[in-house]
Every structure is written in C-alpha cells, then in structure tokens.
C-alpha cells in the first residue's frame, strides 16, 4: 500500500512537470457519446478514452451495429474538428474480431486488436494486430506484459519478438498470418 501511494505520488509529480493531467469522468447516468464529448470539451483534454463504447446510451437494441458505427464516425469527426485523440475501447470475439460492428474499424484512423491467450499469459508477450493505420503501413507487432503490475512495454532486444532469432522468426510468421485474416 505504501509503495503504491509513493508510486502514485511520483506519477502525479511527473504529470505536473509535463503540464498534463489525468482525470476519470464517471457519469452518474447513461450518456450518449455526444453528451460525453461536449461535457468534456471545456476541459481541453488532448486525449479522451471511452471504455467501452457498447455501454454508451443509445447503442443497444437490434440495430446496435448501426449505432456503434455512428458513434465511431461521430468520434472521428469530433477528433478532427477539435484536434484531440479519441480512443474507443470495444469488445473482441475470441477470434479477435470486433464484436457487433465492423463499421467501428472502418471509421478508425488506427486500430489495434488483441486477445489474451494462455500462451500469451505464459510467455508474457501480447501479439497485436494492426489492421488499420490510415496513411501508414499497417503491421503486426508484439508487446511484453506484466499483468500482476498492470504494465505493458516494448520488447527489448533478445526477447521473443527479435526477428533475428528462430523464435522471433516463428512469431513473425504467426503475426503475418493475422494480416491475411
């Protein structure tokens, strides 16, 4: 507990030194994406993360797929007009496909998809698919994770993602297959 408080104090100090802030907006009632974004606008946030979009007001029912597509499109337009980054979190199926609405991916400028398997838990590596990267070359990649401490980081040289090792070459082949899905 003491270590956690100390680390949080360090984090807050780093935020202040860089002129940034971290806030959590947890509304008391259901809100639409429009209501959320316009409520947050006066604070001047540069990055907004919505976790997760299927819980927003108005995206339930038989046409939830269409409503989720509208949410993604609204966020894309809002982000461009207000010069902010909006990160939308959505559920994936066990096969790594976006649930309920492919249109979310169509409206995204950048998309990262991943599922956690038993192999990922054992190796400490997550395989990230990047099926969409507007104006960039999409490519799969790996990150190391430490769920016990809720950390994700880049791989270091010699870890499983190193393309020069046999293990890295095998993982690279596996990741390349994702792009063919």
Protein backbone atom coordinates (compact mmCIF):
# COMPACT_ATOMS: atom_id res chain seq x y z
CA UNK A 1 0.00 0.00 0.00
CA UNK A 2 2.83 2.39 0.91
CA UNK A 3 4.70 1.53 -2.30
CA UNK A 4 1.54 2.14 -4.35
CA UNK A 5 0.96 5.54 -2.75
CA UNK A 6 4.59 6.52 -3.31
CA UNK A 7 4.46 5.48 -6.96
CA UNK A 8 1.19 7.36 -7.48
CA UNK A 9 2.74 10.49 -5.94
CA UNK A 10 5.67 10.15 -8.39
CA UNK A 11 3.20 9.77 -11.25
CA UNK A 12 1.30 12.92 -10.24
CA UNK A 13 4.61 14.80 -9.96
CA UNK A 14 5.57 13.69 -13.49
CA UNK A 15 2.19 14.81 -14.82
CA UNK A 16 2.57 18.25 -13.25
CA UNK A 17 6.13 18.59 -14.56
CA UNK A 18 4.93 17.88 -18.10
CA UNK A 19 1.92 20.17 -17.80
CA UNK A 20 -0.61 17.36 -18.16
CA UNK A 21 -3.34 15.90 -16.02
CA UNK A 22 -5.10 12.59 -15.68
CA UNK A 23 -8.82 12.59 -14.94
CA UNK A 24 -11.56 9.99 -14.81
CA UNK A 25 -15.06 11.05 -15.82
CA UNK A 26 -17.58 8.59 -14.38
CA UNK A 27 -21.09 9.91 -15.11
CA UNK A 28 -23.96 9.19 -12.73
CA UNK A 29 -26.31 8.38 -15.60
CA UNK A 30 -26.25 6.91 -19.09
CA UNK A 31 -24.87 9.33 -21.63
CA UNK A 32 -24.54 9.37 -25.38
CA UNK A 33 -21.13 9.88 -26.93
CA UNK A 34 -22.18 13.39 -27.94
CA UNK A 35 -23.14 14.25 -24.36
CA UNK A 36 -19.83 12.93 -23.04
CA UNK A 37 -17.62 14.71 -25.55
CA UNK A 38 -19.40 18.04 -25.21
CA UNK A 39 -19.28 17.75 -21.39
CA UNK A 40 -15.51 17.21 -21.58
CA UNK A 41 -14.82 19.89 -24.21
CA UNK A 42 -14.37 22.83 -21.74
CA UNK A 43 -11.53 20.97 -20.01
CA UNK A 44 -9.37 20.96 -23.13
CA UNK A 45 -8.33 17.33 -22.98
CA UNK A 46 -5.93 16.25 -25.72
CA UNK A 47 -6.70 12.54 -25.34
CA UNK A 48 -10.07 11.02 -24.42
CA UNK A 49 -10.53 7.29 -23.84
CA UNK A 50 -14.06 5.85 -23.87
CA UNK A 51 -14.28 2.47 -22.15
CA UNK A 52 -16.18 0.88 -23.70
CA UNK A 53 -18.47 2.07 -26.46
CA UNK A 54 -21.05 -0.71 -26.20
CA UNK A 55 -22.07 0.72 -22.80
CA UNK A 56 -22.99 4.13 -24.19
CA UNK A 57 -26.60 5.29 -24.13
CA UNK A 58 -28.40 4.58 -27.38
CA UNK A 59 -26.26 1.75 -28.73
CA UNK A 60 -28.42 -1.14 -27.60
CA UNK A 61 -31.22 -2.91 -29.42
CA UNK A 62 -31.47 -4.72 -32.72
CA UNK A 63 -29.62 -2.02 -34.63
CA UNK A 64 -26.72 -1.71 -32.17
CA UNK A 65 -24.30 -2.42 -35.02
CA UNK A 66 -25.54 0.69 -36.85
CA UNK A 67 -25.48 2.81 -33.68
CA UNK A 68 -21.91 1.75 -32.88
CA UNK A 69 -20.87 2.76 -36.39
CA UNK A 70 -22.45 6.18 -35.83
CA UNK A 71 -20.57 6.55 -32.53
CA UNK A 72 -17.26 5.75 -34.25
CA UNK A 73 -17.99 8.19 -37.07
CA UNK A 74 -19.01 10.97 -34.66
CA UNK A 75 -15.81 10.47 -32.65
CA UNK A 76 -13.72 10.60 -35.82
CA UNK A 77 -15.28 13.89 -36.92
CA UNK A 78 -15.16 15.37 -33.39
CA UNK A 79 -11.49 14.43 -33.03
CA UNK A 80 -10.58 16.09 -36.32
CA UNK A 81 -12.58 19.27 -35.65
CA UNK A 82 -11.37 19.68 -32.05
CA UNK A 83 -7.81 18.41 -32.60
CA UNK A 84 -7.97 15.66 -29.97
CA UNK A 85 -7.22 11.95 -29.92
CA UNK A 86 -10.20 9.77 -29.08
CA UNK A 87 -9.53 6.16 -28.18
CA UNK A 88 -12.53 3.85 -28.32
CA UNK A 89 -12.37 0.55 -26.50
CA UNK A 90 -14.57 -2.23 -27.87
CA UNK A 91 -15.04 -5.91 -27.19
CA UNK A 92 -13.47 -8.52 -29.43
CA UNK A 93 -14.68 -12.04 -30.05
CA UNK A 94 -12.48 -14.97 -29.09
CA UNK A 95 -11.28 -14.97 -32.70
CA UNK A 96 -10.08 -11.37 -32.38
CA UNK A 97 -12.85 -9.76 -34.45
CA UNK A 98 -14.65 -6.59 -33.32
CA UNK A 99 -18.00 -7.58 -31.87
CA UNK A 100 -21.25 -6.10 -33.07
CA UNK A 101 -19.97 -3.61 -35.66
CA UNK A 102 -17.28 -3.79 -38.32
CA UNK A 103 -18.05 -0.15 -39.09
CA UNK A 104 -16.09 0.80 -35.96
CA UNK A 105 -12.96 -0.40 -37.75
CA UNK A 106 -13.98 1.32 -40.98
CA UNK A 107 -14.17 4.72 -39.25
CA UNK A 108 -10.97 4.26 -37.24
CA UNK A 109 -7.80 6.00 -38.29
CA UNK A 110 -5.75 3.45 -36.38
CA UNK A 111 -6.81 0.16 -34.83
CA UNK A 112 -5.04 -2.28 -32.56
CA UNK A 113 -6.68 -5.64 -31.87
CA UNK A 114 -5.56 -8.29 -29.44
CA UNK A 115 -6.85 -11.16 -27.36
CA UNK A 116 -5.06 -12.77 -24.47
CA UNK A 117 -4.49 -16.50 -24.79
CA UNK A 118 -2.95 -18.99 -22.38
CA UNK A 119 0.22 -18.86 -24.49
CA UNK A 120 0.33 -15.05 -24.07
CA UNK A 121 -0.01 -15.42 -20.31
CA UNK A 122 2.80 -18.00 -20.24
CA UNK A 123 5.23 -16.09 -22.46
CA UNK A 124 4.43 -12.60 -21.20
CA UNK A 125 4.05 -11.42 -24.81
CA UNK A 126 0.96 -9.98 -26.50
CA UNK A 127 0.52 -10.20 -30.23
CA UNK A 128 -1.09 -7.02 -31.55
CA UNK A 129 -2.86 -6.93 -34.89
CA UNK A 130 -2.96 -3.55 -36.57
CA UNK A 131 -5.48 -4.00 -39.38
CA UNK A 132 -5.94 -0.26 -39.90
CA UNK A 133 -3.36 2.50 -39.99
CA UNK A 134 -4.59 5.38 -42.13
CA UNK A 135 -1.75 6.88 -44.22
CA UNK A 136 0.67 4.36 -42.69
CA UNK A 137 1.69 0.80 -43.41
CA UNK A 138 -0.25 -1.48 -41.02
CA UNK A 139 1.89 -4.15 -39.41
CA UNK A 140 1.53 -6.60 -36.53
CA UNK A 141 3.80 -6.27 -33.52
CA UNK A 142 4.36 -7.57 -30.02
CA UNK A 143 4.40 -6.01 -26.58
CA UNK A 144 5.53 -7.52 -23.31
CA UNK A 145 3.03 -7.51 -20.45
CA UNK A 146 3.12 -7.87 -16.71
CA UNK A 147 -0.48 -8.30 -15.61
CA UNK A 148 0.48 -8.57 -11.93
CA UNK A 149 1.62 -4.93 -12.07
CA UNK A 150 -0.70 -3.79 -14.91
CA UNK A 151 2.19 -2.86 -17.19
CA UNK A 152 2.76 -3.11 -20.92
CA UNK A 153 6.08 -2.26 -22.56
CA UNK A 154 8.08 -2.53 -25.78
CA UNK A 155 10.15 -5.65 -26.25
CA UNK A 156 13.84 -5.46 -25.56
CA UNK A 157 16.50 -6.91 -27.81
CA UNK A 158 16.62 -10.70 -27.49
CA UNK A 159 13.04 -11.07 -26.28
CA UNK A 160 10.63 -13.28 -28.25
CA UNK A 161 9.95 -10.63 -30.88
CA UNK A 162 13.54 -10.33 -32.10
CA UNK A 163 13.26 -11.25 -35.80
CA UNK A 164 16.88 -12.48 -35.85
CA UNK A 165 16.14 -15.45 -33.54
CA UNK A 166 14.35 -18.67 -34.56
CA UNK A 167 11.66 -17.90 -32.00
CA UNK A 168 11.27 -14.38 -33.40
CA UNK A 169 11.03 -15.65 -36.97
CA UNK A 170 8.32 -18.12 -35.96
CA UNK A 171 6.37 -15.41 -34.14
CA UNK A 172 6.77 -13.13 -37.15
CA UNK A 173 5.22 -15.77 -39.41
CA UNK A 174 2.32 -16.13 -36.98
CA UNK A 175 1.78 -12.37 -36.87
CA UNK A 176 1.98 -12.11 -40.67
CA UNK A 177 -0.89 -14.60 -40.88
CA UNK A 178 -3.09 -12.13 -38.95
CA UNK A 179 -2.97 -9.71 -41.85
CA UNK A 180 -4.36 -12.40 -44.13
CA UNK A 181 -7.46 -12.92 -41.91
